[in-house]
Protein backbone atom coordinates (compact mmCIF):
# COMPACT_ATOMS: atom_id res chain seq x y z
CA MET A 1 33.32 -17.38 -24.76
CA THR A 2 33.85 -20.74 -23.06
CA LYS A 3 31.02 -22.67 -21.43
CA LYS A 4 32.58 -21.96 -18.03
CA GLN A 5 32.67 -18.21 -18.72
CA LYS A 6 29.08 -18.31 -19.96
CA ASN A 7 27.88 -19.86 -16.69
CA THR A 8 29.89 -17.54 -14.45
CA PRO A 9 27.45 -15.39 -12.46
CA ILE A 10 27.54 -11.62 -12.81
CA GLU A 11 28.52 -10.21 -9.43
CA THR A 12 26.72 -7.36 -7.71
CA ASP A 13 26.09 -6.26 -4.13
CA ILE A 14 22.31 -5.91 -4.05
CA VAL A 15 19.44 -7.32 -6.11
CA LEU A 16 15.98 -5.80 -5.84
CA ILE A 17 13.27 -7.96 -7.41
CA GLY A 18 10.28 -5.96 -8.61
CA ALA A 19 10.26 -2.34 -9.83
CA GLY A 20 7.48 -1.06 -7.58
CA ILE A 21 7.21 1.35 -4.67
CA MET A 22 8.91 -1.02 -2.19
CA SER A 23 12.04 -1.73 -4.24
CA ALA A 24 12.28 1.92 -5.28
CA THR A 25 12.08 3.07 -1.64
CA LEU A 26 14.65 0.54 -0.43
CA GLY A 27 16.90 1.24 -3.41
CA VAL A 28 16.99 4.98 -2.66
CA LEU A 29 17.65 4.35 1.04
CA LEU A 30 20.48 1.92 0.30
CA LYS A 31 22.08 4.18 -2.30
CA GLN A 32 22.06 7.07 0.17
CA LEU A 33 23.50 4.87 2.92
CA MET A 34 25.93 2.95 0.68
CA PRO A 35 26.85 5.24 -2.25
CA ASP A 36 29.32 2.72 -3.70
CA ALA A 37 26.92 -0.22 -3.64
CA ARG A 38 26.26 -2.02 -6.90
CA ILE A 39 22.50 -2.50 -7.34
CA LYS A 40 20.55 -4.48 -9.93
CA ILE A 41 16.76 -4.07 -10.17
CA LEU A 42 14.92 -6.89 -11.92
CA GLU A 43 11.38 -6.42 -13.27
CA ARG A 44 9.48 -9.08 -15.24
CA LEU A 45 7.28 -6.55 -17.07
CA ASP A 46 8.51 -4.13 -19.71
CA GLU A 47 7.63 -1.08 -17.60
CA VAL A 48 8.03 -0.06 -13.97
CA ALA A 49 5.29 0.40 -11.37
CA ALA A 50 2.79 -1.48 -13.55
CA GLU A 51 1.32 -3.80 -10.93
CA SER A 52 0.28 -2.84 -7.37
CA SER A 53 2.03 0.55 -7.55
CA ASP A 54 0.07 1.69 -10.59
CA ALA A 55 -2.45 4.46 -9.89
CA TRP A 56 -5.39 2.42 -11.25
CA ASN A 57 -4.37 -0.67 -9.30
CA ASN A 58 -4.06 0.66 -5.73
CA ALA A 59 -6.16 2.64 -3.28
CA GLY A 60 -3.99 5.76 -3.70
CA THR A 61 -5.39 7.29 -0.55
CA GLY A 62 -2.18 8.07 1.21
CA HIS A 63 -3.39 5.75 3.95
CA SER A 64 -3.03 7.69 7.18
CA ALA A 65 -6.02 6.29 9.12
CA LEU A 66 -7.81 9.64 8.97
CA CYS A 67 -10.91 8.14 7.35
CA GLU A 68 -10.47 4.36 7.06
CA LEU A 69 -12.94 2.90 9.54
CA ASN A 70 -11.51 -0.64 9.41
CA TYR A 71 -8.38 0.64 11.21
CA THR A 72 -10.47 1.62 14.24
CA PRO A 73 -12.60 -1.42 15.14
CA GLU A 74 -15.18 -1.41 17.90
CA LYS A 75 -14.28 -3.69 20.81
CA PRO A 76 -16.79 -6.05 22.46
CA ASP A 77 -17.14 -3.58 25.34
CA GLY A 78 -18.18 -0.84 22.90
CA SER A 79 -14.94 1.15 23.05
CA ILE A 80 -12.91 2.02 19.94
CA ALA A 81 -9.40 0.64 19.35
CA ILE A 82 -7.14 3.23 17.71
CA ASP A 83 -3.70 1.60 18.17
CA LYS A 84 -3.49 0.53 14.53
CA ALA A 85 -4.69 3.94 13.36
CA ILE A 86 -1.96 5.65 15.37
CA GLN A 87 0.68 3.33 13.94
CA ILE A 88 -0.45 3.93 10.36
CA ALA A 89 -0.77 7.70 10.83
CA GLU A 90 2.74 7.89 12.27
CA SER A 91 4.16 5.73 9.46
CA PHE A 92 2.57 7.93 6.81
CA GLU A 93 4.12 11.03 8.39
CA VAL A 94 7.51 9.26 8.15
CA SER A 95 6.86 8.58 4.46
CA LYS A 96 6.03 12.25 3.85
CA GLN A 97 9.24 13.33 5.59
CA PHE A 98 11.27 11.01 3.35
CA TRP A 99 9.57 12.20 0.15
CA ALA A 100 10.03 15.82 1.23
CA SER A 101 13.75 15.21 1.81
CA LEU A 102 14.13 13.69 -1.66
CA VAL A 103 12.54 16.81 -3.13
CA GLU A 104 14.65 19.11 -0.93
CA LYS A 105 17.86 17.33 -1.97
CA GLY A 106 16.89 17.47 -5.64
CA LEU A 107 16.72 13.68 -6.00
CA ILE A 108 13.15 13.89 -7.28
CA SER A 109 11.14 16.92 -8.42
CA MET A 110 7.64 18.25 -9.04
CA PRO A 111 5.88 16.81 -5.97
CA GLY A 112 2.50 17.90 -7.38
CA LYS A 113 2.77 15.00 -9.80
CA PHE A 114 2.64 12.41 -7.03
CA ILE A 115 1.00 13.99 -3.97
CA ARG A 116 -1.82 16.50 -3.47
CA THR A 117 -3.93 17.68 -0.56
CA ILE A 118 -7.49 16.40 -0.52
CA PRO A 119 -9.91 16.09 2.41
CA HIS A 120 -10.30 12.65 3.97
CA MET A 121 -13.82 11.91 5.17
CA SER A 122 -15.74 9.11 6.86
CA PHE A 123 -19.46 8.97 6.13
CA VAL A 124 -22.08 6.71 7.73
CA LEU A 125 -25.85 6.19 7.70
CA GLY A 126 -28.20 5.00 10.43
CA ASP A 127 -28.22 5.31 14.23
CA PRO A 128 -25.80 2.44 15.08
CA ASN A 129 -23.18 3.66 12.59
CA VAL A 130 -23.60 7.29 13.68
CA SER A 131 -23.02 6.20 17.28
CA PHE A 132 -19.88 4.32 16.19
CA LEU A 133 -18.48 7.27 14.23
CA LYS A 134 -19.06 9.69 17.11
CA LYS A 135 -17.23 7.38 19.53
CA ARG A 136 -14.43 6.98 16.99
CA TYR A 137 -14.11 10.75 16.63
CA GLU A 138 -14.02 11.29 20.41
CA THR A 139 -11.46 8.51 20.92
CA MET A 140 -9.19 9.65 18.09
CA GLY A 141 -9.29 13.18 19.47
CA ARG A 142 -7.13 11.98 22.37
CA SER A 143 -4.20 11.61 19.97
CA HIS A 144 -2.58 14.75 18.53
CA LEU A 145 -2.08 12.84 15.27
CA PHE A 146 -5.78 13.38 14.59
CA HIS A 147 -6.20 16.92 15.91
CA GLY A 148 -8.11 19.05 13.43
CA MET A 149 -10.68 16.37 12.68
CA THR A 150 -14.21 17.79 12.35
CA TYR A 151 -17.35 15.81 13.21
CA SER A 152 -20.88 16.65 12.15
CA GLU A 153 -24.39 15.22 12.01
CA ASP A 154 -25.66 18.41 10.36
CA PHE A 155 -27.23 17.40 7.03
CA LYS A 156 -26.70 20.83 5.44
CA LEU A 157 -23.06 21.12 6.49
CA ILE A 158 -22.25 17.63 5.22
CA LYS A 159 -24.01 18.55 1.97
CA LYS A 160 -21.59 21.48 1.58
CA TRP A 161 -18.68 19.10 2.07
CA ILE A 162 -19.90 16.35 -0.28
CA PRO A 163 -22.92 17.55 -2.31
CA LEU A 164 -23.09 14.52 -4.60
CA VAL A 165 -23.28 12.15 -1.64
CA MET A 166 -26.13 14.09 -0.03
CA GLU A 167 -28.24 15.00 -3.05
CA GLY A 168 -31.29 12.78 -3.40
CA ARG A 169 -31.42 11.92 0.32
CA PRO A 170 -34.30 12.90 2.63
CA GLU A 171 -33.14 15.41 5.24
CA THR A 172 -34.69 13.17 7.89
CA GLU A 173 -32.10 10.46 7.19
CA LYS A 174 -29.66 9.97 10.06
CA VAL A 175 -26.14 10.74 8.80
CA ALA A 176 -22.74 11.64 10.23
CA ALA A 177 -19.33 12.47 8.83
CA THR A 178 -15.82 13.32 9.91
CA ARG A 179 -13.45 15.46 7.86
CA MET A 180 -9.69 15.99 7.91
CA GLU A 181 -8.34 18.74 5.69
CA ILE A 182 -4.76 17.44 5.69
CA GLY A 183 -5.59 14.24 3.84
CA THR A 184 -3.70 13.48 0.64
CA ASP A 185 -4.00 11.69 -2.66
CA VAL A 186 -0.81 9.85 -3.62
CA ASN A 187 -0.03 8.56 -7.08
CA PHE A 188 2.40 5.79 -6.13
CA GLY A 189 3.08 4.98 -9.76
CA ALA A 190 4.37 8.50 -10.43
CA LEU A 191 6.35 8.47 -7.17
CA THR A 192 7.92 5.11 -7.99
CA ARG A 193 8.95 6.28 -11.45
CA ALA A 194 10.50 9.43 -9.97
CA MET A 195 12.61 7.45 -7.51
CA LEU A 196 13.66 4.90 -10.11
CA ARG A 197 14.73 7.72 -12.47
CA TYR A 198 17.02 8.96 -9.69
CA LEU A 199 18.45 5.46 -9.17
CA TRP A 200 18.91 4.87 -12.89
CA ARG A 201 21.12 7.98 -13.10
CA GLN A 202 23.45 6.71 -10.36
CA ASP A 203 26.70 4.85 -10.93
CA ASP A 204 26.53 1.08 -10.48
CA VAL A 205 22.71 0.92 -10.61
CA GLU A 206 21.15 -1.15 -13.38
CA LEU A 207 17.43 -1.45 -14.14
CA ASN A 208 16.55 -4.59 -16.09
CA LEU A 209 13.02 -4.67 -17.53
CA ALA A 210 11.44 -7.82 -19.01
CA HIS A 211 13.71 -9.91 -16.79
CA GLU A 212 12.06 -12.76 -14.90
CA VAL A 213 13.65 -14.44 -11.88
CA GLN A 214 13.28 -18.18 -12.38
CA ASP A 215 15.26 -19.58 -9.48
CA MET A 216 17.58 -18.65 -6.63
CA GLN A 217 19.77 -20.47 -4.17
CA LYS A 218 22.42 -19.70 -1.58
CA LYS A 219 25.97 -20.67 -2.64
CA ASN A 220 29.16 -19.92 -0.76
CA GLY A 221 27.56 -17.16 1.29
CA ARG A 222 25.99 -15.38 -1.70
CA TRP A 223 22.66 -15.60 -3.51
CA GLU A 224 22.85 -16.99 -7.03
CA ILE A 225 19.83 -15.87 -9.05
CA GLU A 226 18.82 -17.34 -12.39
CA VAL A 227 17.21 -14.70 -14.62
CA LYS A 228 15.56 -14.98 -18.03
CA ASN A 229 15.46 -12.08 -20.46
CA LEU A 230 11.89 -12.31 -21.76
CA THR A 231 12.78 -10.35 -24.90
CA THR A 232 15.83 -12.33 -26.05
CA ARG A 233 14.84 -15.54 -24.18
CA ARG A 234 18.42 -15.77 -22.91
CA LYS A 235 19.26 -16.74 -19.36
CA LYS A 236 21.96 -15.47 -17.04
CA LYS A 237 23.00 -15.80 -13.42
CA ILE A 238 23.55 -12.99 -10.96
CA SER A 239 25.43 -13.35 -7.67
CA ALA A 240 24.52 -10.95 -4.85
CA LYS A 241 25.25 -10.42 -1.18
CA PHE A 242 21.72 -9.20 -0.43
CA VAL A 243 18.37 -9.81 -2.11
CA PHE A 244 15.07 -8.03 -1.52
CA ILE A 245 11.88 -9.48 -2.96
CA GLY A 246 9.36 -6.69 -3.47
CA ALA A 247 7.34 -8.23 -6.26
CA GLY A 248 3.84 -7.63 -4.92
CA GLY A 249 1.65 -10.68 -5.36
CA GLY A 250 4.60 -12.49 -6.95
CA SER A 251 6.71 -12.31 -3.80
CA LEU A 252 5.36 -15.52 -2.26
CA LEU A 253 6.36 -17.70 -5.21
CA LEU A 254 9.85 -16.16 -5.26
CA LEU A 255 10.22 -16.52 -1.50
CA GLU A 256 9.39 -20.22 -1.83
CA LYS A 257 12.09 -20.57 -4.51
CA SER A 258 14.66 -19.21 -2.04
CA GLY A 259 14.22 -22.23 0.21
CA ILE A 260 14.90 -20.30 3.42
CA PRO A 261 13.38 -22.01 6.51
CA GLU A 262 11.64 -18.77 7.49
CA ALA A 263 9.42 -19.05 4.39
CA ARG A 264 7.95 -22.37 5.47
CA GLY A 265 4.26 -22.23 6.33
CA PHE A 266 3.43 -19.03 4.46
CA GLY A 267 0.63 -19.16 1.92
CA GLY A 268 -1.36 -16.65 -0.08
CA PHE A 269 -5.01 -15.99 -0.87
CA PRO A 270 -5.49 -13.92 -4.06
CA VAL A 271 -8.23 -11.32 -4.29
CA SER A 272 -8.87 -9.33 -7.45
CA GLY A 273 -10.31 -5.83 -7.45
CA GLN A 274 -12.55 -3.67 -9.62
CA TRP A 275 -13.65 -0.04 -9.58
CA LEU A 276 -16.50 1.91 -11.06
CA LYS A 277 -14.83 4.84 -12.84
CA CYS A 278 -16.79 8.02 -13.55
CA THR A 279 -16.71 9.15 -17.19
CA ASN A 280 -18.73 12.37 -16.81
CA PRO A 281 -16.42 15.40 -16.29
CA GLU A 282 -19.22 17.42 -14.66
CA VAL A 283 -19.79 14.75 -12.02
CA ILE A 284 -16.05 14.36 -11.41
CA GLU A 285 -15.65 18.10 -10.89
CA ARG A 286 -18.45 18.30 -8.30
CA HIS A 287 -16.78 15.90 -5.86
CA HIS A 288 -13.56 16.74 -4.04
CA ALA A 289 -12.84 14.33 -1.20
CA LYS A 290 -12.00 10.76 -0.30
CA VAL A 291 -15.12 9.44 1.39
CA TYR A 292 -14.87 6.11 3.21
CA GLY A 293 -17.91 4.23 4.45
CA LYS A 294 -18.38 1.28 6.76
CA ALA A 295 -18.11 -2.26 5.46
CA ALA A 296 -21.24 -4.40 5.71
CA VAL A 297 -21.42 -6.76 8.69
CA GLY A 298 -19.42 -9.90 7.97
CA SER A 299 -17.47 -8.36 5.09
CA PRO A 300 -13.64 -8.41 5.05
CA PRO A 301 -11.56 -5.24 5.54
CA MET A 302 -10.73 -4.97 1.85
CA SER A 303 -14.43 -4.40 1.11
CA VAL A 304 -14.63 -0.97 2.76
CA PRO A 305 -16.48 1.19 0.18
CA HIS A 306 -15.09 4.58 -0.78
CA LEU A 307 -15.91 7.36 -3.21
CA ASP A 308 -12.47 8.49 -4.16
CA THR A 309 -11.21 11.66 -5.86
CA ARG A 310 -7.88 10.90 -7.49
CA PHE A 311 -5.36 12.69 -9.68
CA ILE A 312 -3.97 10.42 -12.38
CA ASP A 313 -1.68 11.62 -15.15
CA GLY A 314 -2.52 15.20 -14.21
CA LYS A 315 -6.27 14.70 -14.53
CA LYS A 316 -8.91 14.57 -11.83
CA ALA A 317 -10.69 11.21 -11.60
CA LEU A 318 -13.51 9.76 -9.51
CA LEU A 319 -13.67 6.10 -8.52
CA PHE A 320 -16.02 4.03 -6.41
CA GLY A 321 -15.35 0.62 -4.99
CA PRO A 322 -13.71 -1.66 -4.50
CA TYR A 323 -15.68 -4.57 -5.86
CA ALA A 324 -13.82 -7.75 -5.06
CA GLY A 325 -13.46 -10.84 -7.18
CA PHE A 326 -11.50 -14.04 -7.22
CA SER A 327 -8.73 -15.11 -9.54
CA THR A 328 -6.03 -17.72 -9.09
CA LYS A 329 -3.50 -15.19 -10.42
CA PHE A 330 -1.12 -13.60 -7.91
CA LEU A 331 -0.44 -10.64 -10.23
CA LYS A 332 -2.66 -8.77 -12.67
CA ASN A 333 -0.20 -9.88 -15.36
CA GLY A 334 0.37 -13.26 -13.72
CA SER A 335 -0.59 -16.84 -14.44
CA PHE A 336 -3.79 -18.67 -13.53
CA MET A 337 -1.48 -21.38 -12.15
CA ASP A 338 0.00 -19.05 -9.48
CA LEU A 339 -2.21 -20.27 -6.62
CA ALA A 340 -1.62 -23.95 -7.42
CA ALA A 341 2.13 -23.35 -7.76
CA SER A 342 2.26 -21.72 -4.32
CA ILE A 343 0.89 -24.78 -2.48
CA LYS A 344 3.70 -26.73 -0.83
CA ILE A 345 3.87 -29.44 1.83
CA GLY A 346 4.87 -26.83 4.40
CA ASN A 347 1.86 -24.55 3.86
CA ILE A 348 -1.01 -26.93 3.08
CA ARG A 349 -2.20 -27.10 6.70
CA PRO A 350 -2.12 -23.32 7.33
CA MET A 351 -3.94 -22.66 4.04
CA LEU A 352 -6.66 -25.24 4.75
CA ALA A 353 -7.11 -23.97 8.31
CA ALA A 354 -7.30 -20.35 7.17
CA GLY A 355 -9.82 -21.36 4.51
CA LEU A 356 -12.09 -23.06 7.04
CA ASP A 357 -11.86 -20.06 9.38
CA ASN A 358 -12.75 -17.65 6.57
CA LEU A 359 -15.79 -19.21 4.95
CA ALA A 360 -17.51 -15.82 5.23
CA LEU A 361 -14.80 -14.34 3.01
CA THR A 362 -15.32 -17.10 0.45
CA LYS A 363 -19.08 -16.46 0.46
CA TYR A 364 -18.45 -12.71 0.10
CA LEU A 365 -16.16 -13.22 -2.91
CA ILE A 366 -18.64 -15.57 -4.58
CA ASN A 367 -21.38 -12.97 -4.18
CA GLU A 368 -19.10 -10.23 -5.52
CA VAL A 369 -18.18 -12.29 -8.59
CA ARG A 370 -21.87 -12.94 -9.28
CA GLN A 371 -22.77 -9.23 -9.19
CA SER A 372 -24.40 -7.79 -12.28
CA PRO A 373 -23.87 -4.20 -13.51
CA ASP A 374 -27.19 -3.29 -11.86
CA ASP A 375 -26.00 -4.78 -8.55
CA ARG A 376 -22.85 -2.66 -8.69
CA MET A 377 -24.89 0.45 -9.45
CA ARG A 378 -27.11 -0.20 -6.44
CA SER A 379 -24.01 -0.32 -4.24
CA LEU A 380 -22.85 2.99 -5.71
CA GLN A 381 -26.28 4.59 -5.29
CA TYR A 382 -26.25 3.77 -1.58
CA TYR A 383 -23.47 6.41 -1.36
CA LEU A 384 -24.37 8.46 -4.42
CA PRO A 385 -28.19 8.40 -4.69
CA ASN A 386 -28.43 10.23 -8.03
CA ALA A 387 -25.71 8.22 -9.80
CA ARG A 388 -26.58 7.27 -13.39
CA LYS A 389 -25.33 4.09 -15.05
CA GLU A 390 -24.27 5.94 -18.21
CA ASP A 391 -21.77 8.05 -16.19
CA TRP A 392 -19.77 5.07 -14.91
CA GLU A 393 -17.75 2.21 -16.36
CA LEU A 394 -15.98 -0.80 -14.85
CA GLU A 395 -12.20 -0.60 -14.39
CA ILE A 396 -10.13 -3.66 -13.46
CA ALA A 397 -7.78 -2.94 -10.55
CA GLY A 398 -4.79 -4.87 -9.24
CA GLN A 399 -4.42 -8.23 -7.53
CA ARG A 400 -3.87 -8.55 -3.80
CA VAL A 401 -2.45 -11.65 -2.19
CA GLN A 402 -3.46 -11.77 1.46
CA VAL A 403 -0.93 -13.49 3.71
CA ILE A 404 -1.68 -16.86 5.28
CA LYS A 405 0.72 -17.92 8.01
CA LYS A 406 1.08 -20.65 10.60
CA ASP A 407 -0.72 -20.26 13.88
CA GLU A 408 -0.41 -22.61 16.86
CA LYS A 409 -4.05 -22.23 17.88
CA HIS A 410 -5.83 -22.24 14.51
CA GLY A 411 -3.25 -23.98 12.32
CA GLY A 412 -3.29 -21.02 9.94
CA ILE A 413 -4.59 -17.46 9.93
CA LEU A 414 -5.36 -14.96 7.18
CA GLU A 415 -3.65 -11.59 7.60
CA PHE A 416 -4.91 -8.37 6.02
CA GLY A 417 -1.71 -6.37 6.41
CA THR A 418 1.92 -6.64 5.37
CA GLU A 419 4.49 -9.18 6.52
CA VAL A 420 8.29 -8.92 6.26
CA VAL A 421 9.99 -12.34 6.02
CA THR A 422 13.76 -12.31 6.52
CA SER A 423 16.39 -15.04 6.47
CA SER A 424 18.23 -15.68 9.74
CA ASP A 425 21.46 -14.19 8.36
CA GLY A 426 19.70 -11.12 6.95
CA SER A 427 20.88 -11.78 3.40
CA LEU A 428 17.36 -12.05 1.98
CA SER A 429 14.12 -10.29 2.81
CA ALA A 430 10.69 -10.42 1.22
CA LEU A 431 7.54 -8.37 1.62
CA LEU A 432 4.21 -10.16 1.55
CA GLY A 433 0.68 -8.78 1.83
CA ALA A 434 -1.17 -5.65 0.91
CA SER A 435 -2.81 -2.53 2.38
CA PRO A 436 -1.69 -0.13 3.72
CA GLY A 437 1.71 -1.09 2.35
CA ALA A 438 2.54 1.66 -0.16
CA SER A 439 1.67 4.50 2.22
CA THR A 440 3.85 3.03 4.96
CA ALA A 441 6.64 1.90 2.60
CA VAL A 442 9.36 3.95 4.29
CA SER A 443 8.67 2.55 7.76
CA ILE A 444 8.52 -0.97 6.34
CA MET A 445 11.83 -0.53 4.56
CA LEU A 446 13.42 0.84 7.73
CA ASP A 447 12.28 -2.40 9.35
CA VAL A 448 13.98 -4.35 6.53
CA LEU A 449 17.20 -2.38 7.07
CA GLY A 450 17.07 -3.09 10.80
CA LYS A 451 16.70 -6.82 10.23
CA CYS A 452 19.18 -7.16 7.38
CA PHE A 453 21.84 -4.58 8.29
CA PRO A 454 21.72 -4.53 12.12
CA GLU A 455 25.36 -3.58 12.66
CA GLN A 456 25.39 -0.84 10.03
CA MET A 457 22.22 0.64 11.52
CA LYS A 458 24.22 1.30 14.70
CA ASP A 459 26.88 3.18 12.75
CA ALA A 460 26.95 6.94 13.36
CA LYS A 461 27.23 7.70 9.64
CA TRP A 462 24.15 5.64 8.81
CA GLU A 463 22.25 7.25 11.65
CA SER A 464 23.24 10.71 10.46
CA THR A 465 22.14 9.96 6.89
CA LEU A 466 18.81 8.56 8.05
CA LYS A 467 18.19 11.68 10.15
CA GLU A 468 18.86 13.82 7.06
CA LEU A 469 16.27 11.82 5.13
CA ILE A 470 13.78 11.43 8.01
CA PRO A 471 14.29 14.27 10.53
CA SER A 472 12.19 12.54 13.21
CA TYR A 473 14.20 9.30 12.89
CA GLY A 474 14.73 7.66 16.29
CA ARG A 475 11.90 9.64 17.92
CA SER A 476 8.22 8.88 18.36
CA LEU A 477 5.76 11.15 16.58
CA ALA A 478 2.91 9.44 18.43
CA ASN A 479 4.34 10.60 21.77
CA ASP A 480 5.43 14.12 20.78
CA ALA A 481 2.81 16.63 19.61
CA THR A 482 5.33 19.42 18.99
CA LEU A 483 7.53 17.17 16.88
CA THR A 484 4.52 16.03 14.87
CA GLU A 485 3.41 19.58 14.13
CA THR A 486 6.95 20.63 13.19
CA MET A 487 7.39 17.68 10.83
CA ARG A 488 3.96 18.19 9.27
CA ARG A 489 4.73 21.83 8.59
CA ARG A 490 8.08 20.93 7.01
CA SER A 491 6.60 18.20 4.80
CA ALA A 492 3.70 20.43 3.78
CA GLU A 493 5.97 23.30 2.79
CA ILE A 494 8.36 21.19 0.71
CA LEU A 495 5.65 19.03 -0.89
CA ASP A 496 3.35 22.01 -1.56
CA LEU A 497 0.62 20.68 0.72
CA ASN A 498 -1.74 23.07 2.46
CA VAL A 499 -2.10 22.33 6.19
CA LYS A 500 -2.86 25.90 7.27
CA GLU A 501 -6.55 25.29 7.97
CA GLU A 502 -5.92 22.10 9.98
CA ILE A 503 -3.27 23.73 12.19
CA GLU A 504 -5.40 26.81 12.85
CA GLN A 505 -8.14 24.59 14.27
CA LYS A 506 -5.87 23.25 17.03
């Protein structure tokens, strides 16, 4: 082989960087829309779904705003804002439709391995929080997306719902809870692996593990990507028409390597996570719900405490947290130099401004890092009064990188959601940020398709395919109660989810 041949890039149509839920979702969509497309998936680890998509590293709730109180903030006038909750609930229904279609078409199987029905509950203590939860319940009841929600201040009824949470409390304590029977637990690691198995079986799809993207640049209308095989230490170049960066916390560094003007000004603030994991099977078996509380005053959204029933590798698990921490890594398996490497001339001002505006977050993280095992147990016992230290152990979760972006008024602001950054020509797109990303992955990827393939999205064949995969495509679930109920019934039937009780309460 001549030197010229050795340096000739390998041509493909699409490169997906990162083998997590985002790349898997976009890969399946693109392969359904463009069956002849050549796709290469590049993952720096030696396994897929090992970072943010892994069951131990993410919230796994199936975020649908049924119980997450930070999605329904109280306004200064005392009213409750539910716009974000409606958006998230609608997006999650779209995700369920897509997953159901993949099962129906035989592209993936055994939905019980990645999604199960489990009640979603909000639980609060004290008069001010009870007042808030009641107003939230009444406001959310105006949207059919939340019909079937039950509210109670009855100590005995709540004890039937969540006995472990109520045992050890005086019956005079002021409590309130809401409950939605159609909540779900989603193992995004299992779902990602199922979708990637489908892609791996398709013609012209290649999954490259232990392959690290080291550089990329636009040349002659195509993206030239330099990749290092971490096993053989050899390097190669890949030329692609379209690149998607779905590398979790690593996306920011890769986006900066692209050099697109749209990336200028973006920064990242890494936050590490920890859980307390129950090790006592008897305790695990006695709790069956996802119970979300209210974050302490001044705490960031990621600090919302929850007592979480999960199903991981076919086994029931019980987690409490999250406990936040700080690390300069952008990935759980990243480098301590990630934060320093992300600082560029174009994002110094936004990052400094966001830092000054979020001193409370810094103080919160310092306090979290300084927590002792006894401190963590006291936090758990606030929600589980009879919890014993010997029944719980610390589990390290994944890394989140919160988005910092330019802002004319503040110089820079810290975002607690997801951000899609796309080049002006649509040839490259990257996903930054965190929660509730995985649960709304399908809606986010539809947004990517709209920005990167605008002409194709107008094509009748594409539209027809998308309607096969997402039957409500092009219509608003938030504005159509009948459509919502029809789609929920369809998803529930195909995914083996029980929504009978919720529907009967309407």
